[in-house]
PDB file of N, CA and C in Angstrom:
ATOM      1  N   MET A   1      41.164  -6.755 226.241  1.00  0.00           N
ATOM      2  CA  MET A   1      40.344  -7.427 225.277  1.00  0.00           C
ATOM      3  C   MET A   1      40.359  -6.728 223.932  1.00  0.00           C
ATOM      4  N   ALA A   2      40.493  -5.464 223.933  1.00  0.00           N
ATOM      5  CA  ALA A   2      40.449  -4.717 222.683  1.00  0.00           C
ATOM      6  C   ALA A   2      41.622  -5.069 221.804  1.00  0.00           C
ATOM      7  N   LYS A   3      42.767  -5.317 222.443  1.00  0.00           N
ATOM      8  CA  LYS A   3      43.945  -5.662 221.638  1.00  0.00           C
ATOM      9  C   LYS A   3      43.743  -6.960 220.878  1.00  0.00           C
ATOM     10  N   ARG A   4      43.102  -7.891 221.511  1.00  0.00           N
ATOM     11  CA  ARG A   4      42.890  -9.176 220.866  1.00  0.00           C
ATOM     12  C   ARG A   4      41.975  -9.061 219.649  1.00  0.00           C
ATOM     13  N   GLY A   5      40.926  -8.278 219.716  1.00  0.00           N
ATOM     14  CA  GLY A   5      40.004  -8.071 218.600  1.00  0.00           C
ATOM     15  C   GLY A   5      40.688  -7.376 217.433  1.00  0.00           C
ATOM     16  N   VAL A   6      41.525  -6.402 217.766  1.00  0.00           N
ATOM     17  CA  VAL A   6      42.259  -5.679 216.720  1.00  0.00           C
ATOM     18  C   VAL A   6      43.251  -6.612 216.048  1.00  0.00           C
ATOM     19  N   ALA A   7      43.942  -7.435 216.836  1.00  0.00           N
ATOM     20  CA  ALA A   7      44.930  -8.364 216.278  1.00  0.00           C
ATOM     21  C   ALA A   7      44.236  -9.383 215.371  1.00  0.00           C
ATOM     22  N   ARG A   8      43.072  -9.851 215.806  1.00  0.00           N
ATOM     23  CA  ARG A   8      42.338 -10.808 214.979  1.00  0.00           C
ATOM     24  C   ARG A   8      41.881 -10.182 213.663  1.00  0.00           C
ATOM     25  N   ARG A   9      41.368  -8.974 213.711  1.00  0.00           N
ATOM     26  CA  ARG A   9      40.941  -8.316 212.478  1.00  0.00           C
ATOM     27  C   ARG A   9      42.127  -8.112 211.538  1.00  0.00           C
ATOM     28  N   GLY A  10      43.266  -7.800 212.086  1.00  0.00           N
ATOM     29  CA  GLY A  10      44.478  -7.625 211.273  1.00  0.00           C
ATOM     30  C   GLY A  10      44.887  -8.925 210.605  1.00  0.00           C
ATOM     31  N   ARG A  11      44.796 -10.027 211.353  1.00  0.00           N
ATOM     32  CA  ARG A  11      45.150 -11.327 210.793  1.00  0.00           C
ATOM     33  C   ARG A  11      44.163 -11.736 209.695  1.00  0.00           C
ATOM     34  N   VAL A  12      42.888 -11.456 209.926  1.00  0.00           N
ATOM     35  CA  VAL A  12      41.874 -11.789 208.930  1.00  0.00           C
ATOM     36  C   VAL A  12      42.132 -10.994 207.648  1.00  0.00           C
ATOM     37  N   ARG A  13      42.467  -9.729 207.802  1.00  0.00           N
ATOM     38  CA  ARG A  13      42.749  -8.898 206.615  1.00  0.00           C
ATOM     39  C   ARG A  13      43.970  -9.419 205.864  1.00  0.00           C
ATOM     40  N   VAL A  14      44.997  -9.778 206.599  1.00  0.00           N
ATOM     41  CA  VAL A  14      46.206 -10.309 205.965  1.00  0.00           C
ATOM     42  C   VAL A  14      45.880 -11.635 205.265  1.00  0.00           C
ATOM     43  N   ALA A  15      45.087 -12.483 205.917  1.00  0.00           N
ATOM     44  CA  ALA A  15      44.712 -13.771 205.318  1.00  0.00           C
ATOM     45  C   ALA A  15      43.884 -13.551 204.053  1.00  0.00           C
ATOM     46  N   ILE A  16      42.959 -12.611 204.079  1.00  0.00           N
ATOM     47  CA  ILE A  16      42.152 -12.308 202.894  1.00  0.00           C
ATOM     48  C   ILE A  16      43.032 -11.756 201.779  1.00  0.00           C
ATOM     49  N   ALA A  17      43.948 -10.871 202.133  1.00  0.00           N
ATOM     50  CA  ALA A  17      44.858 -10.300 201.135  1.00  0.00           C
ATOM     51  C   ALA A  17      45.733 -11.391 200.521  1.00  0.00           C
ATOM     52  N   LEU A  18      46.256 -12.281 201.364  1.00  0.00           N
ATOM     53  CA  LEU A  18      47.087 -13.373 200.843  1.00  0.00           C
ATOM     54  C   LEU A  18      46.258 -14.318 199.967  1.00  0.00           C
ATOM     55  N   GLY A  19      45.039 -14.606 200.381  1.00  0.00           N
ATOM     56  CA  GLY A  19      44.159 -15.455 199.583  1.00  0.00           C
ATOM     57  C   GLY A  19      43.873 -14.826 198.228  1.00  0.00           C
ATOM     58  N   ALA A  20      43.577 -13.532 198.221  1.00  0.00           N
ATOM     59  CA  ALA A  20      43.325 -12.819 196.968  1.00  0.00           C
ATOM     60  C   ALA A  20      44.571 -12.835 196.089  1.00  0.00           C
ATOM     61  N   PHE A  21      45.730 -12.637 196.706  1.00  0.00           N
ATOM     62  CA  PHE A  21      46.990 -12.660 195.956  1.00  0.00           C
ATOM     63  C   PHE A  21      47.208 -14.027 195.309  1.00  0.00           C
ATOM     64  N   VAL A  22      46.964 -15.098 196.074  1.00  0.00           N
ATOM     65  CA  VAL A  22      47.137 -16.450 195.543  1.00  0.00           C
ATOM     66  C   VAL A  22      46.172 -16.696 194.377  1.00  0.00           C
ATOM     67  N   VAL A  23      44.919 -16.253 194.504  1.00  0.00           N
ATOM     68  CA  VAL A  23      43.939 -16.438 193.431  1.00  0.00           C
ATOM     69  C   VAL A  23      44.372 -15.673 192.183  1.00  0.00           C
ATOM     70  N   VAL A  24      44.782 -14.433 192.351  1.00  0.00           N
ATOM     71  CA  VAL A  24      45.214 -13.616 191.207  1.00  0.00           C
ATOM     72  C   VAL A  24      46.450 -14.230 190.552  1.00  0.00           C
ATOM     73  N   MET A  25      47.417 -14.648 191.335  1.00  0.00           N
ATOM     74  CA  MET A  25      48.633 -15.221 190.770  1.00  0.00           C
ATOM     75  C   MET A  25      48.356 -16.558 190.082  1.00  0.00           C
ATOM     76  N   THR A  26      47.415 -17.325 190.616  1.00  0.00           N
ATOM     77  CA  THR A  26      47.024 -18.568 189.957  1.00  0.00           C
ATOM     78  C   THR A  26      46.434 -18.256 188.576  1.00  0.00           C
ATOM     79  N   GLY A  27      45.605 -17.229 188.504  1.00  0.00           N
ATOM     80  CA  GLY A  27      45.039 -16.813 187.213  1.00  0.00           C
ATOM     81  C   GLY A  27      46.112 -16.363 186.243  1.00  0.00           C
ATOM     82  N   VAL A  28      47.095 -15.627 186.734  1.00  0.00           N
ATOM     83  CA  VAL A  28      48.178 -15.138 185.872  1.00  0.00           C
ATOM     84  C   VAL A  28      49.000 -16.310 185.338  1.00  0.00           C
ATOM     85  N   VAL A  29      49.324 -17.247 186.219  1.00  0.00           N
ATOM     86  CA  VAL A  29      50.113 -18.406 185.797  1.00  0.00           C
ATOM     87  C   VAL A  29      49.328 -19.236 184.787  1.00  0.00           C
ATOM     88  N   TRP A  30      48.044 -19.434 185.021  1.00  0.00           N
ATOM     89  CA  TRP A  30      47.204 -20.191 184.091  1.00  0.00           C
ATOM     90  C   TRP A  30      47.162 -19.522 182.712  1.00  0.00           C
ATOM     91  N   ARG A  31      46.970 -18.184 182.719  1.00  0.00           N
ATOM     92  CA  ARG A  31      46.898 -17.444 181.460  1.00  0.00           C
ATOM     93  C   ARG A  31      48.215 -17.541 180.694  1.00  0.00           C
ATOM     94  N   ARG A  32      49.331 -17.439 181.400  1.00  0.00           N
ATOM     95  CA  ARG A  32      50.626 -17.534 180.727  1.00  0.00           C
ATOM     96  C   ARG A  32      50.871 -18.941 180.189  1.00  0.00           C
ATOM     97  N   THR A  33      50.415 -19.946 180.919  1.00  0.00           N
ATOM     98  CA  THR A  33      50.565 -21.327 180.462  1.00  0.00           C
ATOM     99  C   THR A  33      49.767 -21.549 179.185  1.00  0.00           C
ATOM    100  N   VAL A  34      48.548 -21.056 179.161  1.00  0.00           N
ATOM    101  CA  VAL A  34      47.717 -21.179 177.960  1.00  0.00           C
ATOM    102  C   VAL A  34      48.362 -20.410 176.812  1.00  0.00           C
ATOM    103  N   GLY A  35      48.850 -19.221 177.075  1.00  0.00           N
ATOM    104  CA  GLY A  35      49.516 -18.427 176.034  1.00  0.00           C
ATOM    105  C   GLY A  35      50.744 -19.123 175.480  1.00  0.00           C
ATOM    106  N   TYR A  36      51.517 -19.753 176.350  1.00  0.00           N
ATOM    107  CA  TYR A  36      52.712 -20.464 175.902  1.00  0.00           C
ATOM    108  C   TYR A  36      52.327 -21.645 175.011  1.00  0.00           C
ATOM    109  N   ARG A  37      51.305 -22.393 175.423  1.00  0.00           N
ATOM    110  CA  ARG A  37      50.850 -23.527 174.602  1.00  0.00           C
ATOM    111  C   ARG A  37      50.377 -23.061 173.233  1.00  0.00           C
ATOM    112  N   ARG A  38      49.641 -21.983 173.227  1.00  0.00           N
ATOM    113  CA  ARG A  38      49.143 -21.451 171.948  1.00  0.00           C
ATOM    114  C   ARG A  38      50.299 -20.979 171.069  1.00  0.00           C
ATOM    115  N   ALA A  39      51.316 -20.367 171.689  1.00  0.00           N
ATOM    116  CA  ALA A  39      52.474 -19.903 170.912  1.00  0.00           C
ATOM    117  C   ALA A  39      53.206 -21.087 170.286  1.00  0.00           C
ATOM    118  N   VAL A  40      53.358 -22.169 171.039  1.00  0.00           N
ATOM    119  CA  VAL A  40      54.009 -23.374 170.501  1.00  0.00           C
ATOM    120  C   VAL A  40      53.177 -23.932 169.354  1.00  0.00           C
ATOM    121  N   GLU A  41      51.866 -23.976 169.534  1.00  0.00           N
ATOM    122  CA  GLU A  41      50.975 -24.472 168.491  1.00  0.00           C
ATOM    123  C   GLU A  41      51.048 -23.594 167.239  1.00  0.00           C
ATOM    124  N   MET A  42      51.107 -22.289 167.433  1.00  0.00           N
ATOM    125  CA  MET A  42      51.205 -21.375 166.286  1.00  0.00           C
ATOM    126  C   MET A  42      52.510 -21.587 165.532  1.00  0.00           C
ATOM    127  N   ARG A  43      53.620 -21.791 166.265  1.00  0.00           N
ATOM    128  CA  ARG A  43      54.897 -22.042 165.593  1.00  0.00           C
ATOM    129  C   ARG A  43      54.838 -23.319 164.772  1.00  0.00           C
ATOM    130  N   GLN A  44      54.192 -24.348 165.308  1.00  0.00           N
ATOM    131  CA  GLN A  44      54.055 -25.596 164.569  1.00  0.00           C
ATOM    132  C   GLN A  44      53.212 -25.388 163.310  1.00  0.00           C
ATOM    133  N   LEU A  45      52.110 -24.657 163.443  1.00  0.00           N
ATOM    134  CA  LEU A  45      51.251 -24.400 162.294  1.00  0.00           C
ATOM    135  C   LEU A  45      51.951 -23.547 161.244  1.00  0.00           C
ATOM    136  N   GLU A  46      52.757 -22.587 161.679  1.00  0.00           N
ATOM    137  CA  GLU A  46      53.508 -21.774 160.722  1.00  0.00           C
ATOM    138  C   GLU A  46      54.512 -22.637 159.968  1.00  0.00           C
ATOM    139  N   GLY A  47      55.150 -23.572 160.678  1.00  0.00           N
ATOM    140  CA  GLY A  47      56.074 -24.495 160.022  1.00  0.00           C
ATOM    141  C   GLY A  47      55.355 -25.358 159.004  1.00  0.00           C
ATOM    142  N   GLN A  48      54.179 -25.863 159.369  1.00  0.00           N
ATOM    143  CA  GLN A  48      53.394 -26.660 158.428  1.00  0.00           C
ATOM    144  C   GLN A  48      52.982 -25.827 157.221  1.00  0.00           C
ATOM    145  N   ALA A  49      52.604 -24.570 157.460  1.00  0.00           N
ATOM    146  CA  ALA A  49      52.203 -23.698 156.349  1.00  0.00           C
ATOM    147  C   ALA A  49      53.375 -23.481 155.393  1.00  0.00           C
ATOM    148  N   LYS A  50      54.568 -23.305 155.927  1.00  0.00           N
ATOM    149  CA  LYS A  50      55.745 -23.122 155.064  1.00  0.00           C
ATOM    150  C   LYS A  50      56.032 -24.387 154.264  1.00  0.00           C
ATOM    151  N   GLU A  51      55.893 -25.545 154.922  1.00  0.00           N
ATOM    152  CA  GLU A  51      56.114 -26.804 154.208  1.00  0.00           C
ATOM    153  C   GLU A  51      55.088 -26.987 153.091  1.00  0.00           C
ATOM    154  N   LEU A  52      53.838 -26.676 153.384  1.00  0.00           N
ATOM    155  CA  LEU A  52      52.786 -26.817 152.372  1.00  0.00           C
ATOM    156  C   LEU A  52      52.985 -25.842 151.224  1.00  0.00           C
ATOM    157  N   GLU A  53      53.436 -24.642 151.520  1.00  0.00           N
ATOM    158  CA  GLU A  53      53.692 -23.666 150.459  1.00  0.00           C
ATOM    159  C   GLU A  53      54.842 -24.127 149.571  1.00  0.00           C
ATOM    160  N   ALA A  54      55.876 -24.712 150.189  1.00  0.00           N
ATOM    161  CA  ALA A  54      56.989 -25.243 149.393  1.00  0.00           C
ATOM    162  C   ALA A  54      56.511 -26.404 148.525  1.00  0.00           C
ATOM    163  N   GLU A  55      55.660 -27.271 149.089  1.00  0.00           N
ATOM    164  CA  GLU A  55      55.121 -28.387 148.315  1.00  0.00           C
ATOM    165  C   GLU A  55      54.252 -27.878 147.166  1.00  0.00           C
ATOM    166  N   ARG A  56      53.466 -26.835 147.426  1.00  0.00           N
ATOM    167  CA  ARG A  56      52.622 -26.250 146.385  1.00  0.00           C
ATOM    168  C   ARG A  56      53.479 -25.684 145.255  1.00  0.00           C
ATOM    169  N   ALA A  57      54.545 -24.974 145.620  1.00  0.00           N
ATOM    170  CA  ALA A  57      55.438 -24.416 144.603  1.00  0.00           C
ATOM    171  C   ALA A  57      56.065 -25.535 143.768  1.00  0.00           C
ATOM    172  N   GLN A  58      56.443 -26.629 144.428  1.00  0.00           N
ATOM    173  CA  GLN A  58      57.019 -27.761 143.707  1.00  0.00           C
ATOM    174  C   GLN A  58      55.996 -28.375 142.759  1.00  0.00           C
ATOM    175  N   LEU A  59      54.747 -28.507 143.216  1.00  0.00           N
ATOM    176  CA  LEU A  59      53.700 -29.080 142.364  1.00  0.00           C
ATOM    177  C   LEU A  59      53.400 -28.179 141.169  1.00  0.00           C
ATOM    178  N   VAL A  60      53.372 -26.862 141.391  1.00  0.00           N
ATOM    179  CA  VAL A  60      53.157 -25.928 140.275  1.00  0.00           C
ATOM    180  C   VAL A  60      54.289 -26.072 139.263  1.00  0.00           C
ATOM    181  N   ASN A  61      55.498 -26.204 139.761  1.00  0.00           N
ATOM    182  CA  ASN A  61      56.655 -26.382 138.883  1.00  0.00           C
ATOM    183  C   ASN A  61      56.545 -27.699 138.112  1.00  0.00           C
ATOM    184  N   ASP A  62      56.127 -28.759 138.795  1.00  0.00           N
ATOM    185  CA  ASP A  62      55.958 -30.055 138.128  1.00  0.00           C
ATOM    186  C   ASP A  62      54.874 -29.981 137.053  1.00  0.00           C
ATOM    187  N   ILE A  63      53.781 -29.303 137.355  1.00  0.00           N
ATOM    188  CA  ILE A  63      52.700 -29.157 136.374  1.00  0.00           C
ATOM    189  C   ILE A  63      53.180 -28.375 135.163  1.00  0.00           C
ATOM    190  N   SER A  64      53.925 -27.297 135.411  1.00  0.00           N
ATOM    191  CA  SER A  64      54.449 -26.505 134.289  1.00  0.00           C
ATOM    192  C   SER A  64      55.356 -27.342 133.403  1.00  0.00           C
ATOM    193  N   GLY A  65      56.205 -28.134 134.046  1.00  0.00           N
ATOM    194  CA  GLY A  65      57.111 -28.976 133.276  1.00  0.00           C
ATOM    195  C   GLY A  65      56.384 -30.064 132.520  1.00  0.00           C
ATOM    196  N   ALA A  66      55.357 -30.647 133.151  1.00  0.00           N
ATOM    197  CA  ALA A  66      54.632 -31.747 132.515  1.00  0.00           C
ATOM    198  C   ALA A  66      53.731 -31.267 131.384  1.00  0.00           C
ATOM    199  N   SER A  67      53.318 -30.020 131.411  1.00  0.00           N
ATOM    200  CA  SER A  67      52.417 -29.528 130.377  1.00  0.00           C
ATOM    201  C   SER A  67      53.133 -28.717 129.298  1.00  0.00           C
ATOM    202  N   SER A  68      54.438 -28.733 129.300  1.00  0.00           N
ATOM    203  CA  SER A  68      55.168 -27.991 128.271  1.00  0.00           C
ATOM    204  C   SER A  68      55.086 -28.737 126.941  1.00  0.00           C
ATOM    205  N   ILE A  69      55.277 -28.009 125.858  1.00  0.00           N
ATOM    206  CA  ILE A  69      55.197 -28.595 124.510  1.00  0.00           C
ATOM    207  C   ILE A  69      56.317 -29.615 124.298  1.00  0.00           C
ATOM    208  N   MET A  70      57.450 -29.404 124.951  1.00  0.00           N
ATOM    209  CA  MET A  70      58.567 -30.332 124.815  1.00  0.00           C
ATOM    210  C   MET A  70      58.215 -31.688 125.426  1.00  0.00           C
ATOM    211  N   ARG A  71      57.441 -31.688 126.459  1.00  0.00           N
ATOM    212  CA  ARG A  71      57.056 -32.933 127.135  1.00  0.00           C
ATOM    213  C   ARG A  71      55.827 -33.563 126.471  1.00  0.00           C
ATOM    214  N   LEU A  72      54.851 -32.740 126.110  1.00  0.00           N
ATOM    215  CA  LEU A  72      53.609 -33.261 125.553  1.00  0.00           C
ATOM    216  C   LEU A  72      53.714 -33.592 124.065  1.00  0.00           C
ATOM    217  N   GLY A  73      54.598 -32.919 123.356  1.00  0.00           N
ATOM    218  CA  GLY A  73      54.713 -33.103 121.908  1.00  0.00           C
ATOM    219  C   GLY A  73      54.888 -34.553 121.494  1.00  0.00           C
ATOM    220  N   PRO A  74      55.901 -35.237 121.992  1.00  0.00           N
ATOM    221  CA  PRO A  74      56.093 -36.633 121.597  1.00  0.00           C
ATOM    222  C   PRO A  74      54.930 -37.541 122.010  1.00  0.00           C
ATOM    223  N   VAL A  75      54.335 -37.286 123.155  1.00  0.00           N
ATOM    224  CA  VAL A  75      53.218 -38.104 123.623  1.00  0.00           C
ATOM    225  C   VAL A  75      52.018 -37.920 122.703  1.00  0.00           C
ATOM    226  N   VAL A  76      51.723 -36.685 122.339  1.00  0.00           N
ATOM    227  CA  VAL A  76      50.585 -36.397 121.470  1.00  0.00           C
ATOM    228  C   VAL A  76      50.818 -36.990 120.076  1.00  0.00           C
ATOM    229  N   GLU A  77      52.024 -36.862 119.571  1.00  0.00           N
ATOM    230  CA  GLU A  77      52.323 -37.426 118.254  1.00  0.00           C
ATOM    231  C   GLU A  77      52.204 -38.949 118.271  1.00  0.00           C
ATOM    232  N   ALA A  78      52.675 -39.594 119.313  1.00  0.00           N
ATOM    233  CA  ALA A  78      52.668 -41.061 119.377  1.00  0.00           C
ATOM    234  C   ALA A  78      51.257 -41.604 119.596  1.00  0.00           C
ATOM    235  N   ARG A  79      50.524 -41.047 120.519  1.00  0.00           N
ATOM    236  CA  ARG A  79      49.217 -41.603 120.876  1.00  0.00           C
ATOM    237  C   ARG A  79      48.099 -41.153 119.942  1.00  0.00           C
ATOM    238  N   LEU A  80      48.116 -39.885 119.553  1.00  0.00           N
ATOM    239  CA  LEU A  80      47.002 -39.341 118.791  1.00  0.00           C
ATOM    240  C   LEU A  80      47.326 -39.101 117.318  1.00  0.00           C
ATOM    241  N   GLY A  81      48.571 -39.234 116.972  1.00  0.00           N
ATOM    242  CA  GLY A  81      48.961 -39.013 115.585  1.00  0.00           C
ATOM    243  C   GLY A  81      48.888 -37.548 115.183  1.00  0.00           C
ATOM    244  N   MET A  82      48.929 -36.639 116.126  1.00  0.00           N
ATOM    245  CA  MET A  82      48.849 -35.204 115.826  1.00  0.00           C
ATOM    246  C   MET A  82      50.254 -34.651 115.599  1.00  0.00           C
ATOM    247  N   LYS A  83      50.324 -33.607 114.825  1.00  0.00           N
ATOM    248  CA  LYS A  83      51.595 -32.931 114.567  1.00  0.00           C
ATOM    249  C   LYS A  83      51.430 -31.454 114.896  1.00  0.00           C
ATOM    250  N   GLN A  84      52.538 -30.789 115.160  1.00  0.00           N
ATOM    251  CA  GLN A  84      52.484 -29.369 115.453  1.00  0.00           C
ATOM    252  C   GLN A  84      52.209 -28.614 114.159  1.00  0.00           C
ATOM    253  N   ALA A  85      51.309 -27.640 114.222  1.00  0.00           N
ATOM    254  CA  ALA A  85      50.911 -26.888 113.030  1.00  0.00           C
ATOM    255  C   ALA A  85      52.048 -25.998 112.550  1.00  0.00           C
ATOM    256  N   ARG A  86      52.165 -25.925 111.214  1.00  0.00           N
ATOM    257  CA  ARG A  86      53.136 -25.007 110.622  1.00  0.00           C
ATOM    258  C   ARG A  86      52.516 -23.610 110.613  1.00  0.00           C
ATOM    259  N   ASP A  87      53.322 -22.606 110.384  1.00  0.00           N
ATOM    260  CA  ASP A  87      52.833 -21.222 110.404  1.00  0.00           C
ATOM    261  C   ASP A  87      51.741 -20.977 109.364  1.00  0.00           C
ATOM    262  N   GLU A  88      51.869 -21.578 108.181  1.00  0.00           N
ATOM    263  CA  GLU A  88      50.859 -21.332 107.137  1.00  0.00           C
ATOM    264  C   GLU A  88      49.543 -22.059 107.431  1.00  0.00           C
ATOM    265  N   GLN A  89      49.540 -22.962 108.370  1.00  0.00           N
ATOM    266  CA  GLN A  89      48.316 -23.668 108.739  1.00  0.00           C
ATOM    267  C   GLN A  89      47.534 -22.947 109.843  1.00  0.00           C
ATOM    268  N   ILE A  90      48.116 -21.948 110.424  1.00  0.00           N
ATOM    269  CA  ILE A  90      47.473 -21.245 111.534  1.00  0.00           C
ATOM    270  C   ILE A  90      46.596 -20.135 110.982  1.00  0.00           C
ATOM    271  N   ILE A  91      45.345 -20.094 111.381  1.00  0.00           N
ATOM    272  CA  ILE A  91      44.401 -19.048 110.973  1.00  0.00           C
ATOM    273  C   ILE A  91      44.058 -18.232 112.210  1.00  0.00           C
ATOM    274  N   ARG A  92      44.295 -16.951 112.127  1.00  0.00           N
ATOM    275  CA  ARG A  92      43.973 -16.071 113.251  1.00  0.00           C
ATOM    276  C   ARG A  92      42.635 -15.401 112.972  1.00  0.00           C
ATOM    277  N   LEU A  93      41.708 -15.584 113.896  1.00  0.00           N
ATOM    278  CA  LEU A  93      40.382 -14.993 113.750  1.00  0.00           C
ATOM    279  C   LEU A  93      40.327 -13.690 114.523  1.00  0.00           C
ATOM    280  N   PRO A  94      39.626 -12.680 113.957  1.00  0.00           N
ATOM    281  CA  PRO A  94      39.533 -11.414 114.676  1.00  0.00           C
ATOM    282  C   PRO A  94      38.644 -11.583 115.921  1.00  0.00           C
ATOM    283  N   MET A  95      38.958 -10.812 116.919  1.00  0.00           N
ATOM    284  CA  MET A  95      38.165 -10.825 118.155  1.00  0.00           C
ATOM    285  C   MET A  95      36.852 -10.101 117.899  1.00  0.00           C
ATOM    286  N   PRO A  96      35.734 -10.620 118.333  1.00  0.00           N
ATOM    287  CA  PRO A  96      34.468  -9.935 118.149  1.00  0.00           C
ATOM    288  C   PRO A  96      34.415  -8.667 119.017  1.00  0.00           C
ATOM    289  N   GLU A  97      33.674  -7.705 118.535  1.00  0.00           N
ATOM    290  CA  GLU A  97      33.520  -6.460 119.293  1.00  0.00           C
ATOM    291  C   GLU A  97      32.719  -6.737 120.562  1.00  0.00           C
ATOM    292  N   PRO A  98      33.112  -6.161 121.668  1.00  0.00           N
ATOM    293  CA  PRO A  98      32.339  -6.379 122.893  1.00  0.00           C
ATOM    294  C   PRO A  98      30.961  -5.720 122.779  1.00  0.00           C
ATOM    295  N   ARG A  99      29.964  -6.401 123.323  1.00  0.00           N
ATOM    296  CA  ARG A  99      28.599  -5.854 123.260  1.00  0.00           C
ATOM    297  C   ARG A  99      28.438  -4.751 124.297  1.00  0.00           C
ATOM    298  N   GLN A 100      27.674  -3.734 123.914  1.00  0.00           N
ATOM    299  CA  GLN A 100      27.368  -2.638 124.823  1.00  0.00           C
ATOM    300  C   GLN A 100      26.212  -3.036 125.725  1.00  0.00           C
ATOM    301  N   LYS A 101      26.337  -2.741 126.994  1.00  0.00           N
ATOM    302  CA  LYS A 101      25.218  -3.009 127.913  1.00  0.00           C
ATOM    303  C   LYS A 101      24.238  -1.850 127.834  1.00  0.00           C
ATOM    304  N   ASP A 102      22.966  -2.165 127.804  1.00  0.00           N
ATOM    305  CA  ASP A 102      21.944  -1.124 127.731  1.00  0.00           C
ATOM    306  C   ASP A 102      21.614  -0.579 129.101  1.00  0.00           C
TER     307      ASP A 102
END
């Protein structure tokens, strides 16, 4: 009879160990799956960030080009009747002295 009790306890221990192993491995697989999904999502977001940065650079370039004197000059002259000032028409005012804080 003693052999049977020992064999049963051994089987129970092996079953518990296998159950624990399955639970731990399930957790590991789940964690890796979540990590993989997050990595894919991060790669997509990085790609979007690069695209947006390129679009931003293009827009800054477009703004610079649209606000240049070569582009605005004819429009301002036609619509507002303004002309570019000659050198003798420009008055430079001195900068005021900065106030001291008490």
